Amino acid sequence: MAASLLAKGMNIAETAELAGASLTSIKRWKRALKMGGVAALATKRHPGPKPKLSPGQKQQLVEILVQGPEAAGYANGLWTCARVAEVIEERFGVSYHPDHVGRILHRLGFSPQKPQRRAQEADVAAIRHWRQVSWPRIKKGGGESKPASFSSTNADFNCSR
C-alpha cells in the first residue's frame, strides 16, 4: 500500500499516516523502492541459526533410529526424545534439548507413537473370541427376561402403603 502511495507522489508524512506506519519505516521503504523496486519490499524470512547436524549426520541418525533402541544399547524398544538426545550427543558430539529433538524428528519424517499397553503373555485368540462371542451375549443379557423396575417414577410401580 505504501509503495503505491509513494509512487503516486504522496509525501512521507501522509503515506505514514495512511499506511499506519512510522516515518522511519516509510523512509526505509522509499529507499528500498528506489534501489530495487517493489520486489525489494517483499518480506524475507530469517534463515535462523545454522543446523548443528549435517545432512549426512541426520541420515545416520535415521539409520540408528530405524535399527531400534535395543541396538543403541537401551533395555526396551521405546525411543523417547531424551534418549534420542543422548544418542545424538554420544554419536555426533552435539547437544540438543529433548524438546528440540522432537522437532528434528518431525522434520525427518517421524511422528510420536504410543506403545500399546498389552501383556506379552496375552492370548490374542482367546481375547478375540471373548470380544466377538462372549461379550455380545453378556451385553444383550442372554435372552433372559428384564428385571422389574423399582423406580417410583415408573408407571408400573405400585406401592400399597
C-alpha atoms as a PDB file:
ATOM      1  CA  MET A   1       0.000   0.000   0.000  1.00  0.00           C
ATOM      2  CA  ALA A   2       2.783   2.381   0.959  1.00  0.00           C
ATOM      3  CA  ALA A   3       4.598   1.629  -2.319  1.00  0.00           C
ATOM      4  CA  SER A   4       1.567   2.616  -4.407  1.00  0.00           C
ATOM      5  CA  LEU A   5       1.036   5.803  -2.361  1.00  0.00           C
ATOM      6  CA  LEU A   6       4.682   6.825  -2.749  1.00  0.00           C
ATOM      7  CA  ALA A   7       4.533   6.016  -6.477  1.00  0.00           C
ATOM      8  CA  LYS A   8       1.574   8.410  -6.815  1.00  0.00           C
ATOM      9  CA  GLY A   9       3.760  11.184  -5.389  1.00  0.00           C
ATOM     10  CA  MET A  10       2.330  11.336  -1.858  1.00  0.00           C
ATOM     11  CA  ASN A  11       4.773  12.687   0.712  1.00  0.00           C
ATOM     12  CA  ILE A  12       6.276  10.577   3.501  1.00  0.00           C
ATOM     13  CA  ALA A  13       4.141  12.014   6.350  1.00  0.00           C
ATOM     14  CA  GLU A  14       0.824  11.399   4.528  1.00  0.00           C
ATOM     15  CA  THR A  15       1.918   7.916   3.475  1.00  0.00           C
ATOM     16  CA  ALA A  16       2.917   7.055   7.061  1.00  0.00           C
ATOM     17  CA  GLU A  17      -0.470   8.206   8.377  1.00  0.00           C
ATOM     18  CA  LEU A  18      -2.489   6.315   5.758  1.00  0.00           C
ATOM     19  CA  ALA A  19      -0.355   3.166   5.984  1.00  0.00           C
ATOM     20  CA  GLY A  20      -0.299   3.223   9.794  1.00  0.00           C
ATOM     21  CA  ALA A  21       3.488   3.028   9.840  1.00  0.00           C
ATOM     22  CA  SER A  22       6.249   5.137  11.317  1.00  0.00           C
ATOM     23  CA  LEU A  23       8.069   7.841   9.362  1.00  0.00           C
ATOM     24  CA  THR A  24      11.295   5.856   9.697  1.00  0.00           C
ATOM     25  CA  SER A  25       9.700   2.775   8.102  1.00  0.00           C
ATOM     26  CA  ILE A  26       8.269   4.813   5.222  1.00  0.00           C
ATOM     27  CA  LYS A  27      11.690   6.410   4.588  1.00  0.00           C
ATOM     28  CA  ARG A  28      13.314   2.969   4.584  1.00  0.00           C
ATOM     29  CA  TRP A  29      10.646   1.592   2.227  1.00  0.00           C
ATOM     30  CA  LYS A  30      11.053   4.569  -0.104  1.00  0.00           C
ATOM     31  CA  ARG A  31      14.806   3.968  -0.240  1.00  0.00           C
ATOM     32  CA  ALA A  32      14.243   0.241  -0.932  1.00  0.00           C
ATOM     33  CA  LEU A  33      11.775   1.096  -3.710  1.00  0.00           C
ATOM     34  CA  LYS A  34      14.308   3.419  -5.312  1.00  0.00           C
ATOM     35  CA  MET A  35      17.086   0.774  -5.122  1.00  0.00           C
ATOM     36  CA  GLY A  36      15.221  -2.441  -6.026  1.00  0.00           C
ATOM     37  CA  GLY A  37      11.616  -1.708  -6.899  1.00  0.00           C
ATOM     38  CA  VAL A  38       8.571  -3.318  -5.323  1.00  0.00           C
ATOM     39  CA  ALA A  39      10.384  -6.680  -5.071  1.00  0.00           C
ATOM     40  CA  ALA A  40      12.750  -5.104  -2.535  1.00  0.00           C
ATOM     41  CA  LEU A  41       9.787  -4.649  -0.155  1.00  0.00           C
ATOM     42  CA  ALA A  42       8.899  -8.356  -0.117  1.00  0.00           C
ATOM     43  CA  THR A  43       9.196  -9.943   3.304  1.00  0.00           C
ATOM     44  CA  LYS A  44      12.257 -12.083   3.789  1.00  0.00           C
ATOM     45  CA  ARG A  45      12.214 -14.958   6.200  1.00  0.00           C
ATOM     46  CA  HIS A  46      15.148 -15.021   8.607  1.00  0.00           C
ATOM     47  CA  PRO A  47      17.086 -18.222   7.945  1.00  0.00           C
ATOM     48  CA  GLY A  48      17.708 -18.870  11.637  1.00  0.00           C
ATOM     49  CA  PRO A  49      20.835 -20.446  13.098  1.00  0.00           C
ATOM     50  CA  LYS A  50      22.908 -22.911  11.108  1.00  0.00           C
ATOM     51  CA  PRO A  51      21.897 -26.533  11.880  1.00  0.00           C
ATOM     52  CA  LYS A  52      24.228 -28.353  14.254  1.00  0.00           C
ATOM     53  CA  LEU A  53      23.818 -31.680  12.425  1.00  0.00           C
ATOM     54  CA  SER A  54      24.866 -32.004   8.807  1.00  0.00           C
ATOM     55  CA  PRO A  55      22.554 -33.732   6.299  1.00  0.00           C
ATOM     56  CA  GLY A  56      24.858 -36.783   6.428  1.00  0.00           C
ATOM     57  CA  GLN A  57      24.634 -36.926  10.215  1.00  0.00           C
ATOM     58  CA  LYS A  58      20.843 -36.633  10.028  1.00  0.00           C
ATOM     59  CA  GLN A  59      20.796 -39.619   7.655  1.00  0.00           C
ATOM     60  CA  GLN A  60      22.978 -41.583  10.082  1.00  0.00           C
ATOM     61  CA  LEU A  61      20.567 -40.660  12.878  1.00  0.00           C
ATOM     62  CA  VAL A  62      17.628 -42.010  10.860  1.00  0.00           C
ATOM     63  CA  GLU A  63      19.520 -45.285  10.346  1.00  0.00           C
ATOM     64  CA  ILE A  64      20.235 -45.523  14.088  1.00  0.00           C
ATOM     65  CA  LEU A  65      16.582 -44.873  14.942  1.00  0.00           C
ATOM     66  CA  VAL A  66      15.319 -47.460  12.450  1.00  0.00           C
ATOM     67  CA  GLN A  67      17.603 -50.113  13.978  1.00  0.00           C
ATOM     68  CA  GLY A  68      15.803 -49.583  17.285  1.00  0.00           C
ATOM     69  CA  PRO A  69      16.661 -48.605  20.854  1.00  0.00           C
ATOM     70  CA  GLU A  70      17.920 -52.084  21.727  1.00  0.00           C
ATOM     71  CA  ALA A  71      20.613 -51.806  19.028  1.00  0.00           C
ATOM     72  CA  ALA A  72      21.613 -48.466  20.563  1.00  0.00           C
ATOM     73  CA  GLY A  73      22.065 -50.096  23.979  1.00  0.00           C
ATOM     74  CA  TYR A  74      18.711 -49.465  25.660  1.00  0.00           C
ATOM     75  CA  ALA A  75      16.813 -52.152  27.576  1.00  0.00           C
ATOM     76  CA  ASN A  76      13.436 -51.762  25.856  1.00  0.00           C
ATOM     77  CA  GLY A  77      12.099 -50.854  22.419  1.00  0.00           C
ATOM     78  CA  LEU A  78      10.933 -47.351  23.201  1.00  0.00           C
ATOM     79  CA  TRP A  79      12.510 -44.232  21.711  1.00  0.00           C
ATOM     80  CA  THR A  80      11.985 -41.048  23.719  1.00  0.00           C
ATOM     81  CA  CYS A  81      13.217 -37.576  22.863  1.00  0.00           C
ATOM     82  CA  ALA A  82      15.566 -37.732  25.838  1.00  0.00           C
ATOM     83  CA  ARG A  83      17.064 -40.998  24.585  1.00  0.00           C
ATOM     84  CA  VAL A  84      17.457 -39.647  21.060  1.00  0.00           C
ATOM     85  CA  ALA A  85      19.159 -36.538  22.515  1.00  0.00           C
ATOM     86  CA  GLU A  86      21.593 -38.850  24.355  1.00  0.00           C
ATOM     87  CA  VAL A  87      22.324 -40.791  21.161  1.00  0.00           C
ATOM     88  CA  ILE A  88      22.930 -37.562  19.222  1.00  0.00           C
ATOM     89  CA  GLU A  89      25.341 -36.334  21.894  1.00  0.00           C
ATOM     90  CA  GLU A  90      27.186 -39.687  22.091  1.00  0.00           C
ATOM     91  CA  ARG A  91      27.485 -40.272  18.337  1.00  0.00           C
ATOM     92  CA  PHE A  92      27.849 -36.741  16.978  1.00  0.00           C
ATOM     93  CA  GLY A  93      29.017 -34.652  19.955  1.00  0.00           C
ATOM     94  CA  VAL A  94      26.067 -32.270  19.550  1.00  0.00           C
ATOM     95  CA  SER A  95      23.861 -31.307  22.489  1.00  0.00           C
ATOM     96  CA  TYR A  96      20.130 -30.718  21.953  1.00  0.00           C
ATOM     97  CA  HIS A  97      17.305 -30.155  24.412  1.00  0.00           C
ATOM     98  CA  PRO A  98      14.856 -33.117  24.277  1.00  0.00           C
ATOM     99  CA  ASP A  99      12.015 -30.779  23.233  1.00  0.00           C
ATOM    100  CA  HIS A 100      14.011 -29.643  20.214  1.00  0.00           C
ATOM    101  CA  VAL A 101      14.822 -33.257  19.344  1.00  0.00           C
ATOM    102  CA  GLY A 102      11.069 -33.773  18.851  1.00  0.00           C
ATOM    103  CA  ARG A 103      11.038 -31.023  16.209  1.00  0.00           C
ATOM    104  CA  ILE A 104      14.078 -32.522  14.483  1.00  0.00           C
ATOM    105  CA  LEU A 105      12.446 -35.957  14.427  1.00  0.00           C
ATOM    106  CA  HIS A 106       9.276 -34.459  12.943  1.00  0.00           C
ATOM    107  CA  ARG A 107      11.332 -32.854  10.132  1.00  0.00           C
ATOM    108  CA  LEU A 108      12.963 -36.239   9.497  1.00  0.00           C
ATOM    109  CA  GLY A 109       9.529 -37.791   8.986  1.00  0.00           C
ATOM    110  CA  PHE A 110       8.984 -39.412  12.376  1.00  0.00           C
ATOM    111  CA  SER A 111       5.792 -38.938  14.368  1.00  0.00           C
ATOM    112  CA  PRO A 112       5.000 -39.557  18.040  1.00  0.00           C
ATOM    113  CA  GLN A 113       3.749 -43.069  18.731  1.00  0.00           C
ATOM    114  CA  LYS A 114       2.336 -44.506  21.926  1.00  0.00           C
ATOM    115  CA  PRO A 115       3.209 -48.116  22.666  1.00  0.00           C
ATOM    116  CA  GLN A 116       0.217 -50.414  23.046  1.00  0.00           C
ATOM    117  CA  ARG A 117      -0.298 -51.424  26.640  1.00  0.00           C
ATOM    118  CA  ARG A 118      -0.692 -55.162  26.330  1.00  0.00           C
ATOM    119  CA  ALA A 119       0.648 -58.058  28.340  1.00  0.00           C
ATOM    120  CA  GLN A 120       3.173 -60.113  26.396  1.00  0.00           C
ATOM    121  CA  GLU A 121       1.549 -63.271  27.779  1.00  0.00           C
ATOM    122  CA  ALA A 122      -1.904 -62.313  26.396  1.00  0.00           C
ATOM    123  CA  ASP A 123      -3.718 -64.971  24.348  1.00  0.00           C
ATOM    124  CA  VAL A 124      -4.824 -62.953  21.309  1.00  0.00           C
ATOM    125  CA  ALA A 125      -7.180 -65.690  20.033  1.00  0.00           C
ATOM    126  CA  ALA A 126      -8.941 -66.008  23.401  1.00  0.00           C
ATOM    127  CA  ILE A 127      -9.347 -62.229  23.650  1.00  0.00           C
ATOM    128  CA  ARG A 128     -10.794 -62.061  20.108  1.00  0.00           C
ATOM    129  CA  HIS A 129     -13.257 -64.890  20.929  1.00  0.00           C
ATOM    130  CA  TRP A 130     -14.352 -63.182  24.133  1.00  0.00           C
ATOM    131  CA  ARG A 131     -14.934 -59.863  22.314  1.00  0.00           C
ATOM    132  CA  GLN A 132     -16.818 -61.410  19.399  1.00  0.00           C
ATOM    133  CA  VAL A 133     -18.830 -64.121  21.193  1.00  0.00           C
ATOM    134  CA  SER A 134     -18.924 -63.777  24.960  1.00  0.00           C
ATOM    135  CA  TRP A 135     -19.198 -60.004  25.340  1.00  0.00           C
ATOM    136  CA  PRO A 136     -22.145 -59.536  22.904  1.00  0.00           C
ATOM    137  CA  ARG A 137     -24.009 -62.366  24.715  1.00  0.00           C
ATOM    138  CA  ILE A 138     -23.359 -60.792  28.122  1.00  0.00           C
ATOM    139  CA  LYS A 139     -24.235 -57.316  26.867  1.00  0.00           C
ATOM    140  CA  LYS A 140     -27.595 -58.446  25.428  1.00  0.00           C
ATOM    141  CA  GLY A 141     -28.489 -60.179  28.661  1.00  0.00           C
ATOM    142  CA  GLY A 142     -28.536 -63.670  27.196  1.00  0.00           C
ATOM    143  CA  GLY A 143     -32.263 -63.638  26.349  1.00  0.00           C
ATOM    144  CA  GLU A 144     -33.388 -63.545  29.979  1.00  0.00           C
ATOM    145  CA  SER A 145     -36.428 -61.519  30.989  1.00  0.00           C
ATOM    146  CA  LYS A 146     -35.922 -57.939  32.033  1.00  0.00           C
ATOM    147  CA  PRO A 147     -35.917 -57.391  35.825  1.00  0.00           C
ATOM    148  CA  ALA A 148     -38.807 -55.444  37.294  1.00  0.00           C
ATOM    149  CA  SER A 149     -38.356 -51.740  37.888  1.00  0.00           C
ATOM    150  CA  PHE A 150     -38.272 -50.450  41.436  1.00  0.00           C
ATOM    151  CA  SER A 151     -38.365 -46.790  40.487  1.00  0.00           C
ATOM    152  CA  SER A 152     -41.179 -44.664  41.914  1.00  0.00           C
ATOM    153  CA  THR A 153     -41.263 -42.686  38.652  1.00  0.00           C
ATOM    154  CA  ASN A 154     -42.098 -45.767  36.590  1.00  0.00           C
ATOM    155  CA  ALA A 155     -45.777 -46.262  35.718  1.00  0.00           C
ATOM    156  CA  ASP A 156     -45.501 -49.961  36.657  1.00  0.00           C
ATOM    157  CA  PHE A 157     -44.597 -49.035  40.207  1.00  0.00           C
ATOM    158  CA  ASN A 158     -47.339 -49.882  42.665  1.00  0.00           C
ATOM    159  CA  CYS A 159     -46.998 -49.053  46.320  1.00  0.00           C
ATOM    160  CA  SER A 160     -49.583 -50.376  48.728  1.00  0.00           C
ATOM    161  CA  ARG A 161     -48.630 -48.238  51.674  1.00  0.00           C
END
